[in-house]
Amino acid sequence: MIVCSCNVLTDHDVRTVVSRPSNFPRTASQVYGCLGCSAQCGRCARTIKNIMDEALGSCTKACCAGCPHSDHHHHADASAALPQPAAALAHAAA
C-alpha cells in the first residue's frame, strides 16, 4: 500500500528500513532520509510512525536485551564506538 504519494513510498519500504538490524530510523524524518527522500506535504508522517510502532511493537514485547532494536543493545553498540579520551588511552598504554 502506498503511504506517501509525494515520494511514492509503500508500507513495505517503511517496514524494510525499520527492520534493519542496526542504524534503523527512530523517527519518520529518518525513514524519509533512509529512503533517499524528504517529507513534502507531511500527511504521511503519522502513518509512517504508526507503521514503525507496529513493526517494532512485537519486537519490543518479545525480545530480550540482545535484540538489535532494543534501546539497551543500541546504546551499548553506540558507546563501544565512541572514541576514548586521551587520558584513558594513556592509562591503558601504561
Protein backbone atom coordinates (compact mmCIF):
# COMPACT_ATOMS: atom_id res chain seq x y z
CA MET A 1 0.00 0.00 0.00
CA ILE A 2 1.34 3.46 -0.84
CA VAL A 3 1.64 5.52 2.33
CA CYS A 4 3.37 8.56 0.81
CA SER A 5 2.06 9.63 -2.56
CA CYS A 6 4.51 12.56 -2.79
CA ASN A 7 7.54 10.24 -2.66
CA VAL A 8 5.72 7.04 -3.70
CA LEU A 9 6.71 5.13 -0.57
CA THR A 10 4.96 1.93 0.38
CA ASP A 11 4.36 0.37 3.76
CA HIS A 12 6.79 -2.35 2.65
CA ASP A 13 9.51 0.30 2.10
CA VAL A 14 8.99 1.60 5.63
CA ARG A 15 8.95 -1.87 7.21
CA THR A 16 12.14 -2.84 5.37
CA VAL A 17 14.04 0.20 6.66
CA VAL A 18 12.71 -0.19 10.21
CA SER A 19 13.62 -3.87 10.40
CA ARG A 20 17.31 -3.36 9.62
CA PRO A 21 19.47 -4.89 12.36
CA SER A 22 21.41 -1.67 13.03
CA ASN A 23 21.13 2.06 12.47
CA PHE A 24 17.42 1.80 11.97
CA PRO A 25 15.42 5.02 11.94
CA ARG A 26 13.62 6.17 15.06
CA THR A 27 11.56 8.99 13.52
CA ALA A 28 9.51 9.48 10.37
CA SER A 29 12.01 12.03 9.06
CA GLN A 30 14.81 9.48 9.47
CA VAL A 31 12.73 6.99 7.46
CA TYR A 32 12.50 9.52 4.63
CA GLY A 33 16.27 10.03 4.79
CA CYS A 34 16.98 6.30 4.72
CA LEU A 35 14.79 6.03 1.64
CA GLY A 36 16.57 8.91 -0.09
CA CYS A 37 13.82 11.48 0.10
CA SER A 38 12.27 14.03 2.45
CA ALA A 39 8.80 14.92 3.64
CA GLN A 40 6.84 17.00 1.15
CA CYS A 41 3.30 17.64 2.41
CA GLY A 42 3.76 15.71 5.68
CA ARG A 43 0.37 13.99 5.65
CA CYS A 44 2.00 10.55 5.71
CA ALA A 45 4.23 11.16 8.75
CA ARG A 46 1.63 9.85 11.19
CA THR A 47 1.06 6.74 9.07
CA ILE A 48 4.80 6.13 8.84
CA LYS A 49 5.10 6.47 12.62
CA ASN A 50 2.23 4.01 13.08
CA ILE A 51 3.92 1.51 10.76
CA MET A 52 7.16 1.92 12.72
CA ASP A 53 5.37 1.34 16.02
CA GLU A 54 3.58 -1.68 14.60
CA ALA A 55 6.76 -3.16 13.12
CA LEU A 56 8.78 -2.69 16.29
CA GLY A 57 5.93 -3.29 18.74
CA SER A 58 6.05 -7.07 18.59
CA CYS A 59 9.83 -6.95 18.78
CA THR A 60 9.96 -4.81 21.91
CA LYS A 61 7.40 -7.03 23.64
CA ALA A 62 9.04 -10.34 22.70
CA CYS A 63 12.76 -9.61 22.56
CA CYS A 64 15.38 -9.73 25.22
CA ALA A 65 18.13 -7.17 25.80
CA GLY A 66 20.19 -8.65 22.96
CA CYS A 67 17.68 -7.56 20.33
CA PRO A 68 19.19 -5.15 17.80
CA HIS A 69 16.08 -2.98 18.18
CA SER A 70 16.16 -2.67 21.95
CA ASP A 71 17.40 0.56 23.49
CA HIS A 72 19.84 -1.31 25.73
CA HIS A 73 21.56 -3.08 22.85
CA HIS A 74 21.55 0.05 20.66
CA HIS A 75 23.15 2.18 23.37
CA ALA A 76 25.74 -0.49 24.14
CA ASP A 77 26.79 -0.59 20.48
CA ALA A 78 26.89 3.20 20.29
CA SER A 79 29.03 3.56 23.40
CA ALA A 80 31.50 0.95 22.14
CA ALA A 81 32.03 3.02 19.01
CA LEU A 82 32.79 6.24 20.88
CA PRO A 83 36.38 7.44 20.82
CA GLN A 84 38.27 7.02 24.05
CA PRO A 85 39.54 10.13 25.86
CA ALA A 86 43.31 10.66 25.65
CA ALA A 87 43.72 10.12 29.40
CA ALA A 88 42.05 6.71 29.19
CA LEU A 89 44.24 5.73 26.25
CA ALA A 90 47.40 6.87 28.08
CA HIS A 91 46.34 4.88 31.17
CA ALA A 92 45.68 1.78 29.06
CA ALA A 93 49.10 2.07 27.41
CA ALA A 94 50.89 2.28 30.76
